[in-house]
Amino acid sequence: MNDDASHGLGPRVMGCRSDIASRDDGRMALAAGMLLVAGVAFGVYWLTAVLLDVRRAAGYFGADADHYAKLAHLLVHHRAARFHPLTTTLGIAWMKAFSPLSPWFSGATLLKAMFAAVGAVGVWAAMWAFAASLPRRYVLLAGVLYGSSFGIWYFSSIPESKIVTATMSVLYVAAYVRLRERWSLPGAVGLSAILALACLNEIVSASLAVIPIVDVLLRRGLDRRSLSWLSAHVSVVLVAWFVLEVLVNGWLIPASAESHFGMLLYYIMTNDHGLASLHGFSANWFFFNIAAPETLVPQGPYFVGSFQPTLLTYLQSPPALAALLVLGLVAVAALLPRYRAAHLGAAGGLLLPLAAFAFVRGLFFFIFNPLEALLFSPAVTLVHWLILLVPFAASRFPAKGALLSVLCVLLIATNAGFMLGPEGWPGLAARFVSH
């Protein structure tokens, strides 16, 4: 007779082992799914980069694609390197590392692969953040929603620093969510390193520090130990600023009189901040960054092209309008009293800090340059999705998975329509034949 069984322990032990094995299998399956989604995203972004190049649509929304295209020939645009040295360094390192593939791929194609890979890393990191904030069954769907969002898809498919900024922001949020669950010194150091690199790509990434500042103050108040860590964490922003203004400017690249502060004043003085500007900024920041309202952008007054700054444009595109309506239904389901979650769990406590970061970044760029809102919006895409999906996933709304699946299909169809252009697949084939 089994001793464990005689004490009633056998089935319990076997059950525990079975539960542990089941959880391990679930984690492995989720990790494999995350890698698959990120891999597909890389392929789609790289293919889209070729499509956008063919239809000459890689310089919309104020993007400086021509500045970074020089990296394909191991050349550096001084202004790009001055304000976005991380992207420039990544580009040079990537081109040198993959130079053995030059007999099969052009330099421009290899460079496109780098930006696609950066975007795919962001998709993978976003799913890690979702895995810590949402039930497991929604993680891959949320990853597809993030990866197919217009701002992420488009800026992963052109040479631009903004997808590097977005991915660094996602890595920061994912790292902080994990650090918040289980504090460790290596984790804190890693988070500070991510913040430093993010600032070296775009100094406004310093606003990421708002997340732990607000979160710590809400949870622990003026605790001395927490304030000491926050002080050390925020200090890396000052170090990054010193590197940009003193070491990069004049040492790594030729000295320039153009500073971050001077550029800030110039844009503030030359931009309009009226109600019409606020409306256009909000449309780009909250809506166009998720779903493209039209397939062809008109010529803009200041740069190559931008969407018409009105939500009425969605009425001209049935797929885009449907995506917007389903997105609205998700938001309503999370807010209505009937479906409002009684308990959001640990992720609910992070919504206000995330919203604070999104507000600070949005306010800065509205003051700085409201005309190019879409250019700067990808860095808050993950935050907007978390603020929307965390309460939605915790709500009692029926068929949540089915609704998110429909939204995925609509977003992919809508944004793929923009990437292909107004002529669709036939027009794309004609362009390839002509080239």
Protein backbone atom coordinates (compact mmCIF):
# COMPACT_ATOMS: atom_id res chain seq x y z
CA MET A 1 0.00 0.00 0.00
CA ASN A 2 1.32 3.44 -0.92
CA ASP A 3 2.31 5.44 2.16
CA ASP A 4 1.29 8.72 0.59
CA ALA A 5 -2.07 7.32 -0.38
CA SER A 6 -2.71 6.02 3.13
CA HIS A 7 -2.41 9.52 4.47
CA GLY A 8 -4.47 11.01 1.69
CA LEU A 9 -1.43 12.81 0.26
CA GLY A 10 -0.98 11.03 -3.04
CA PRO A 11 -3.75 12.66 -5.09
CA ARG A 12 -3.00 16.07 -3.55
CA VAL A 13 0.70 15.90 -4.41
CA MET A 14 -0.06 14.62 -7.88
CA GLY A 15 -2.63 17.38 -8.29
CA CYS A 16 -0.12 20.03 -7.24
CA ARG A 17 2.46 18.68 -9.64
CA SER A 18 -0.13 18.59 -12.39
CA ASP A 19 -1.11 22.20 -11.71
CA ILE A 20 2.52 23.32 -11.75
CA ALA A 21 3.16 21.44 -15.00
CA SER A 22 0.02 22.96 -16.50
CA ARG A 23 1.10 26.46 -15.52
CA ASP A 24 4.58 25.86 -16.94
CA ASP A 25 3.07 24.59 -20.20
CA GLY A 26 0.82 27.65 -20.32
CA ARG A 27 3.78 29.98 -19.83
CA MET A 28 5.78 28.20 -22.51
CA ALA A 29 2.86 28.34 -24.93
CA LEU A 30 2.37 32.04 -24.23
CA ALA A 31 6.09 32.76 -24.68
CA ALA A 32 6.06 30.86 -27.99
CA GLY A 33 2.97 32.77 -29.09
CA MET A 34 4.62 36.06 -28.21
CA LEU A 35 7.69 35.20 -30.28
CA LEU A 36 5.46 34.19 -33.17
CA VAL A 37 3.48 37.45 -33.09
CA ALA A 38 6.71 39.48 -32.87
CA GLY A 39 8.23 37.49 -35.75
CA VAL A 40 5.20 38.05 -37.95
CA ALA A 41 5.29 41.74 -37.04
CA PHE A 42 8.93 41.93 -38.16
CA GLY A 43 8.08 40.36 -41.52
CA VAL A 44 5.07 42.61 -42.06
CA TYR A 45 6.99 45.76 -41.11
CA TRP A 46 9.91 44.88 -43.40
CA LEU A 47 7.58 44.12 -46.33
CA THR A 48 5.64 47.30 -45.66
CA ALA A 49 8.88 49.28 -45.69
CA VAL A 50 9.41 48.12 -49.28
CA LEU A 51 5.81 48.95 -50.22
CA LEU A 52 6.00 52.45 -48.76
CA ASP A 53 9.29 53.04 -50.54
CA VAL A 54 7.81 51.93 -53.85
CA ARG A 55 4.87 54.33 -53.53
CA ARG A 56 7.13 57.08 -52.11
CA ALA A 57 5.16 57.34 -48.88
CA ALA A 58 7.99 57.12 -46.35
CA GLY A 59 8.19 60.81 -45.52
CA TYR A 60 4.70 61.66 -44.29
CA PHE A 61 3.61 63.27 -41.00
CA GLY A 62 6.83 65.25 -40.56
CA ALA A 63 9.08 62.18 -40.63
CA ASP A 64 12.78 62.78 -41.36
CA ALA A 65 13.20 59.53 -43.27
CA ASP A 66 15.75 61.10 -45.62
CA HIS A 67 17.99 61.95 -42.64
CA TYR A 68 18.23 58.34 -41.51
CA ALA A 69 18.33 56.83 -45.00
CA LYS A 70 21.97 57.99 -45.12
CA LEU A 71 22.79 55.28 -42.59
CA ALA A 72 22.38 52.70 -45.37
CA HIS A 73 25.65 54.05 -46.77
CA LEU A 74 27.29 54.42 -43.32
CA LEU A 75 26.83 58.18 -43.53
CA VAL A 76 25.58 60.31 -40.63
CA HIS A 77 23.19 63.23 -40.80
CA HIS A 78 24.60 65.62 -38.20
CA ARG A 79 21.27 67.00 -36.99
CA ALA A 80 19.83 63.50 -36.56
CA ALA A 81 22.93 62.41 -34.67
CA ARG A 82 22.83 65.58 -32.57
CA PHE A 83 19.34 64.98 -31.17
CA HIS A 84 18.89 61.20 -31.68
CA PRO A 85 22.31 59.58 -31.23
CA LEU A 86 20.91 56.21 -30.16
CA THR A 87 19.11 55.68 -33.47
CA THR A 88 22.21 56.78 -35.38
CA THR A 89 24.46 54.46 -33.38
CA LEU A 90 22.09 51.53 -33.83
CA GLY A 91 21.96 52.15 -37.56
CA ILE A 92 25.74 52.24 -37.99
CA ALA A 93 26.21 49.15 -35.82
CA TRP A 94 23.46 47.27 -37.67
CA MET A 95 24.84 48.08 -41.12
CA LYS A 96 28.35 47.00 -40.12
CA ALA A 97 27.10 43.80 -38.48
CA PHE A 98 25.03 42.76 -41.51
CA SER A 99 27.43 43.98 -44.20
CA PRO A 100 28.20 40.33 -45.18
CA LEU A 101 24.63 40.17 -46.55
CA SER A 102 25.25 43.06 -48.96
CA PRO A 103 25.65 40.74 -52.00
CA TRP A 104 22.01 39.72 -51.57
CA PHE A 105 20.40 42.81 -50.02
CA SER A 106 20.89 46.47 -50.78
CA GLY A 107 21.98 48.79 -47.99
CA ALA A 108 18.55 50.43 -47.97
CA THR A 109 16.81 47.07 -47.58
CA LEU A 110 19.09 46.06 -44.71
CA LEU A 111 18.44 49.38 -42.98
CA LYS A 112 14.68 48.87 -43.35
CA ALA A 113 15.13 45.52 -41.59
CA MET A 114 16.67 47.29 -38.60
CA PHE A 115 13.72 49.58 -38.04
CA ALA A 116 11.34 46.64 -38.58
CA ALA A 117 13.28 44.68 -35.97
CA VAL A 118 13.10 47.56 -33.49
CA GLY A 119 9.34 47.71 -34.00
CA ALA A 120 9.05 43.93 -33.53
CA VAL A 121 11.02 44.11 -30.27
CA GLY A 122 8.48 46.70 -29.14
CA VAL A 123 5.63 44.32 -29.96
CA TRP A 124 7.31 41.56 -27.93
CA ALA A 125 7.94 43.88 -24.97
CA ALA A 126 4.36 45.19 -25.14
CA MET A 127 3.09 41.64 -24.72
CA TRP A 128 5.25 41.25 -21.61
CA ALA A 129 3.54 44.33 -20.21
CA PHE A 130 0.14 42.93 -21.20
CA ALA A 131 1.01 39.56 -19.62
CA ALA A 132 1.50 41.29 -16.27
CA SER A 133 -1.68 43.34 -16.61
CA LEU A 134 -4.28 41.22 -18.43
CA PRO A 135 -5.61 37.67 -18.23
CA ARG A 136 -3.44 35.33 -20.28
CA ARG A 137 -6.10 34.71 -22.92
CA TYR A 138 -6.01 38.35 -24.01
CA VAL A 139 -2.23 38.86 -24.18
CA LEU A 140 -1.65 37.83 -27.80
CA LEU A 141 -4.74 39.72 -28.99
CA ALA A 142 -3.50 42.82 -27.19
CA GLY A 143 -0.09 42.35 -28.81
CA VAL A 144 -1.70 42.26 -32.26
CA LEU A 145 -3.68 45.40 -31.42
CA TYR A 146 -0.50 47.20 -30.39
CA GLY A 147 1.52 45.97 -33.36
CA SER A 148 -1.16 46.81 -35.92
CA SER A 149 -1.80 50.29 -34.51
CA PHE A 150 -1.13 52.77 -37.28
CA GLY A 151 1.64 54.76 -35.61
CA ILE A 152 3.57 51.64 -34.63
CA TRP A 153 3.11 49.95 -38.01
CA TYR A 154 4.00 53.00 -40.10
CA PHE A 155 7.02 54.18 -38.11
CA SER A 156 8.39 50.61 -37.92
CA SER A 157 8.37 50.63 -41.73
CA ILE A 158 10.35 53.80 -42.41
CA PRO A 159 13.80 54.98 -41.28
CA GLU A 160 12.89 57.25 -38.37
CA SER A 161 13.96 57.65 -34.75
CA LYS A 162 10.38 57.64 -33.49
CA ILE A 163 9.98 53.85 -33.50
CA VAL A 164 13.16 53.61 -31.40
CA THR A 165 11.59 56.09 -28.96
CA ALA A 166 8.38 54.04 -28.91
CA THR A 167 10.19 50.75 -28.30
CA MET A 168 12.32 52.24 -25.52
CA SER A 169 9.10 53.50 -23.89
CA VAL A 170 7.54 50.04 -24.14
CA LEU A 171 10.64 48.40 -22.69
CA TYR A 172 10.53 50.90 -19.82
CA VAL A 173 6.86 50.24 -19.04
CA ALA A 174 7.31 46.46 -19.27
CA ALA A 175 10.39 46.59 -17.03
CA TYR A 176 8.65 48.79 -14.46
CA VAL A 177 5.57 46.57 -14.35
CA ARG A 178 7.83 43.63 -13.53
CA LEU A 179 9.94 45.62 -11.05
CA ARG A 180 6.76 46.77 -9.33
CA GLU A 181 5.72 43.16 -8.83
CA ARG A 182 9.10 42.02 -7.49
CA TRP A 183 11.62 44.65 -6.48
CA SER A 184 15.33 43.94 -7.02
CA LEU A 185 18.44 46.07 -7.30
CA PRO A 186 19.43 44.63 -10.71
CA GLY A 187 15.91 45.36 -11.94
CA ALA A 188 16.12 48.95 -10.70
CA VAL A 189 19.50 49.43 -12.36
CA GLY A 190 18.15 47.96 -15.59
CA LEU A 191 15.18 50.33 -15.50
CA SER A 192 17.52 53.31 -15.08
CA ALA A 193 19.64 52.08 -17.98
CA ILE A 194 16.55 51.93 -20.20
CA LEU A 195 15.62 55.47 -19.15
CA ALA A 196 19.12 56.72 -19.97
CA LEU A 197 19.08 55.11 -23.42
CA ALA A 198 15.59 56.43 -24.09
CA CYS A 199 16.74 59.96 -23.24
CA LEU A 200 19.77 59.55 -25.51
CA ASN A 201 17.34 58.88 -28.33
CA GLU A 202 14.90 61.64 -27.39
CA ILE A 203 15.41 63.82 -24.34
CA VAL A 204 11.64 64.18 -23.85
CA SER A 205 11.68 60.50 -22.85
CA ALA A 206 12.58 61.90 -19.45
CA SER A 207 8.79 62.07 -18.99
CA LEU A 208 8.85 58.27 -18.51
CA ALA A 209 10.11 58.92 -14.99
CA VAL A 210 6.65 60.31 -14.20
CA ILE A 211 5.37 56.70 -14.03
CA PRO A 212 7.42 55.54 -11.00
CA ILE A 213 7.26 58.99 -9.38
CA VAL A 214 3.45 59.07 -9.35
CA ASP A 215 3.18 55.37 -8.52
CA VAL A 216 5.59 55.51 -5.58
CA LEU A 217 4.02 58.66 -4.16
CA LEU A 218 0.54 57.14 -4.38
CA ARG A 219 1.56 53.88 -2.74
CA ARG A 220 4.20 54.94 -0.22
CA GLY A 221 3.98 58.70 0.14
CA LEU A 222 7.15 60.52 1.15
CA ASP A 223 9.00 57.38 2.16
CA ARG A 224 12.72 58.15 2.52
CA ARG A 225 13.97 54.95 0.93
CA SER A 226 11.65 55.32 -2.08
CA LEU A 227 12.55 58.98 -2.53
CA SER A 228 16.24 58.08 -2.48
CA TRP A 229 15.72 55.57 -5.27
CA LEU A 230 13.62 58.00 -7.29
CA SER A 231 16.30 60.68 -6.94
CA ALA A 232 18.97 58.29 -8.22
CA HIS A 233 16.67 57.14 -11.01
CA VAL A 234 15.82 60.66 -12.21
CA SER A 235 19.47 61.70 -12.08
CA VAL A 236 20.18 59.59 -15.17
CA VAL A 237 18.11 62.13 -17.13
CA LEU A 238 20.59 64.85 -16.19
CA VAL A 239 23.48 62.62 -17.19
CA ALA A 240 21.85 61.93 -20.56
CA TRP A 241 21.24 65.65 -21.11
CA PHE A 242 24.90 66.39 -20.32
CA VAL A 243 26.03 63.75 -22.80
CA LEU A 244 23.78 65.20 -25.51
CA GLU A 245 24.69 68.83 -24.97
CA VAL A 246 28.39 68.52 -24.12
CA LEU A 247 29.80 65.23 -25.37
CA VAL A 248 27.75 64.56 -28.51
CA ASN A 249 27.61 68.21 -29.57
CA GLY A 250 31.14 69.13 -30.59
CA TRP A 251 32.90 65.91 -29.72
CA LEU A 252 31.17 63.07 -31.56
CA ILE A 253 29.74 65.36 -34.25
CA PRO A 254 30.67 68.89 -35.37
CA ALA A 255 29.65 71.53 -32.84
CA SER A 256 26.29 73.18 -33.42
CA ALA A 257 24.72 76.26 -31.87
CA GLU A 258 21.34 74.48 -31.95
CA SER A 259 20.42 73.28 -28.44
CA HIS A 260 17.41 71.45 -27.08
CA PHE A 261 16.27 74.57 -25.25
CA GLY A 262 16.74 76.79 -28.30
CA MET A 263 14.78 74.37 -30.48
CA LEU A 264 12.00 74.27 -27.88
CA LEU A 265 11.67 78.06 -27.88
CA TYR A 266 11.71 78.23 -31.68
CA TYR A 267 8.86 75.74 -32.11
CA ILE A 268 6.77 77.25 -29.32
CA MET A 269 7.03 80.71 -30.88
CA THR A 270 6.21 79.53 -34.41
CA ASN A 271 3.28 77.18 -33.72
CA ASP A 272 -0.40 77.90 -33.18
CA HIS A 273 -2.01 76.65 -29.94
CA GLY A 274 -5.66 77.59 -30.53
CA LEU A 275 -8.75 75.38 -30.39
CA ALA A 276 -8.40 74.26 -34.00
CA SER A 277 -4.84 73.18 -33.29
CA LEU A 278 -5.97 71.34 -30.14
CA HIS A 279 -8.66 69.52 -32.14
CA GLY A 280 -6.20 68.43 -34.80
CA PHE A 281 -3.64 67.40 -32.20
CA SER A 282 -6.20 65.31 -30.28
CA ALA A 283 -7.40 63.59 -33.45
CA ASN A 284 -3.86 62.55 -34.35
CA TRP A 285 -2.74 61.73 -30.81
CA PHE A 286 -5.67 59.57 -29.73
CA PHE A 287 -7.30 58.27 -32.91
CA PHE A 288 -5.14 58.45 -36.04
CA ASN A 289 -2.25 56.84 -34.14
CA ILE A 290 -4.49 53.77 -33.77
CA ALA A 291 -6.48 53.66 -37.02
CA ALA A 292 -5.69 55.47 -40.26
CA PRO A 293 -8.75 57.55 -41.26
CA GLU A 294 -7.93 57.55 -44.99
CA THR A 295 -5.71 55.73 -47.47
CA LEU A 296 -4.10 58.76 -49.08
CA VAL A 297 -2.86 61.81 -47.21
CA PRO A 298 -3.10 65.23 -48.85
CA GLN A 299 -0.13 67.54 -49.15
CA GLY A 300 0.50 69.37 -45.88
CA PRO A 301 1.41 73.05 -45.58
CA TYR A 302 4.63 72.30 -43.68
CA PHE A 303 5.69 68.80 -44.73
CA VAL A 304 4.99 66.15 -47.34
CA GLY A 305 1.61 64.94 -46.11
CA SER A 306 -0.68 64.46 -43.14
CA PHE A 307 -4.21 63.31 -42.45
CA GLN A 308 -6.97 65.89 -42.51
CA PRO A 309 -7.22 67.04 -38.87
CA THR A 310 -10.84 66.02 -38.34
CA LEU A 311 -12.57 62.85 -37.21
CA LEU A 312 -15.16 63.31 -39.97
CA THR A 313 -12.61 61.76 -42.32
CA TYR A 314 -13.51 58.37 -40.87
CA LEU A 315 -16.92 58.65 -42.55
CA GLN A 316 -15.21 58.19 -45.92
CA SER A 317 -13.65 54.83 -45.02
CA PRO A 318 -16.04 52.02 -43.94
CA PRO A 319 -13.29 49.77 -42.44
CA ALA A 320 -11.79 52.68 -40.50
CA LEU A 321 -15.22 53.79 -39.27
CA ALA A 322 -16.03 50.23 -38.18
CA ALA A 323 -12.72 50.00 -36.32
CA LEU A 324 -13.44 53.29 -34.58
CA LEU A 325 -16.94 52.16 -33.58
CA VAL A 326 -15.69 48.86 -32.13
CA LEU A 327 -12.94 50.74 -30.31
CA GLY A 328 -15.62 53.01 -28.88
CA LEU A 329 -17.63 49.98 -27.77
CA VAL A 330 -14.59 48.62 -25.91
CA ALA A 331 -14.20 51.98 -24.15
CA VAL A 332 -17.89 52.15 -23.24
CA ALA A 333 -17.85 48.58 -21.92
CA ALA A 334 -15.02 49.49 -19.57
CA LEU A 335 -16.77 52.64 -18.30
CA LEU A 336 -20.47 51.86 -18.05
CA PRO A 337 -21.62 51.08 -14.49
CA ARG A 338 -23.18 47.81 -15.61
CA TYR A 339 -19.86 46.51 -16.91
CA ARG A 340 -17.42 48.43 -14.76
CA ALA A 341 -14.96 46.17 -12.97
CA ALA A 342 -15.32 46.00 -9.21
CA HIS A 343 -11.67 45.03 -8.86
CA LEU A 344 -8.94 45.73 -11.41
CA GLY A 345 -6.20 43.92 -9.51
CA ALA A 346 -2.61 45.11 -9.25
CA ALA A 347 -2.70 46.52 -12.79
CA GLY A 348 -5.44 48.93 -11.78
CA GLY A 349 -3.05 50.75 -9.46
CA LEU A 350 -0.77 51.53 -12.38
CA LEU A 351 -3.40 53.18 -14.58
CA LEU A 352 -3.12 56.61 -12.97
CA PRO A 353 0.71 56.72 -13.20
CA LEU A 354 0.49 55.63 -16.85
CA ALA A 355 -2.14 58.29 -17.54
CA ALA A 356 0.09 60.88 -15.87
CA PHE A 357 2.94 60.00 -18.22
CA ALA A 358 0.65 60.13 -21.27
CA PHE A 359 -0.71 63.51 -20.15
CA VAL A 360 2.75 65.01 -19.55
CA ARG A 361 4.07 63.81 -22.92
CA GLY A 362 0.92 64.94 -24.73
CA LEU A 363 0.95 68.36 -23.07
CA PHE A 364 4.60 68.88 -23.96
CA PHE A 365 4.17 68.04 -27.62
CA PHE A 366 0.99 70.10 -27.93
CA ILE A 367 2.99 73.08 -26.70
CA PHE A 368 6.12 72.11 -28.64
CA ASN A 369 4.78 71.09 -32.06
CA PRO A 370 1.05 70.28 -32.38
CA LEU A 371 1.27 70.01 -36.18
CA GLU A 372 3.36 66.85 -35.96
CA ALA A 373 1.36 65.08 -33.27
CA LEU A 374 1.28 61.76 -35.12
CA LEU A 375 5.07 61.77 -35.34
CA PHE A 376 5.43 61.83 -31.56
CA SER A 377 2.42 59.69 -30.60
CA PRO A 378 3.80 56.10 -30.93
CA ALA A 379 5.55 56.40 -27.55
CA VAL A 380 2.15 56.48 -25.79
CA THR A 381 0.44 53.78 -27.89
CA LEU A 382 1.07 51.02 -25.32
CA VAL A 383 -0.09 53.27 -22.48
CA HIS A 384 -3.33 54.12 -24.27
CA TRP A 385 -4.01 50.43 -24.92
CA LEU A 386 -3.30 49.50 -21.29
CA ILE A 387 -5.62 52.24 -19.99
CA LEU A 388 -8.34 50.92 -22.31
CA LEU A 389 -7.82 47.15 -22.04
CA VAL A 390 -7.14 46.67 -18.32
CA PRO A 391 -10.64 47.80 -17.21
CA PHE A 392 -12.22 46.19 -20.27
CA ALA A 393 -10.66 42.79 -19.51
CA ALA A 394 -11.80 43.05 -15.89
CA SER A 395 -15.35 44.03 -16.84
CA ARG A 396 -18.38 41.72 -17.10
CA PHE A 397 -18.93 42.52 -20.76
CA PRO A 398 -19.82 39.33 -22.70
CA ALA A 399 -17.65 37.84 -25.44
CA LYS A 400 -14.68 40.10 -24.75
CA GLY A 401 -12.26 37.88 -26.67
CA ALA A 402 -14.50 37.83 -29.73
CA LEU A 403 -14.84 41.61 -29.68
CA LEU A 404 -11.07 42.10 -29.44
CA SER A 405 -10.59 39.63 -32.30
CA VAL A 406 -12.98 41.64 -34.48
CA LEU A 407 -11.09 44.81 -33.57
CA CYS A 408 -7.79 43.15 -34.57
CA VAL A 409 -9.18 42.24 -37.99
CA LEU A 410 -10.60 45.72 -38.55
CA LEU A 411 -7.38 47.46 -37.49
CA ILE A 412 -5.26 45.28 -39.75
CA ALA A 413 -7.62 45.82 -42.70
CA THR A 414 -7.81 49.58 -42.09
CA ASN A 415 -4.12 50.23 -41.68
CA ALA A 416 -3.09 47.79 -44.43
CA GLY A 417 -5.31 49.86 -46.73
CA PHE A 418 -3.14 52.89 -46.05
CA MET A 419 0.10 50.95 -46.52
CA LEU A 420 -1.07 49.67 -49.92
CA GLY A 421 -2.41 53.03 -51.04
CA PRO A 422 -5.74 53.99 -52.63
CA GLU A 423 -5.21 51.72 -55.65
CA GLY A 424 -4.92 48.64 -53.42
CA TRP A 425 -3.30 45.40 -54.59
CA PRO A 426 -3.71 46.07 -58.36
CA GLY A 427 -1.99 49.43 -58.01
CA LEU A 428 0.82 47.84 -56.00
CA ALA A 429 1.42 45.20 -58.69
CA ALA A 430 1.50 47.90 -61.36
CA ARG A 431 4.11 49.86 -59.40
CA PHE A 432 6.37 46.82 -59.00
CA VAL A 433 6.08 46.05 -62.72
CA SER A 434 6.97 49.63 -63.63
CA HIS A 435 10.05 49.47 -61.40
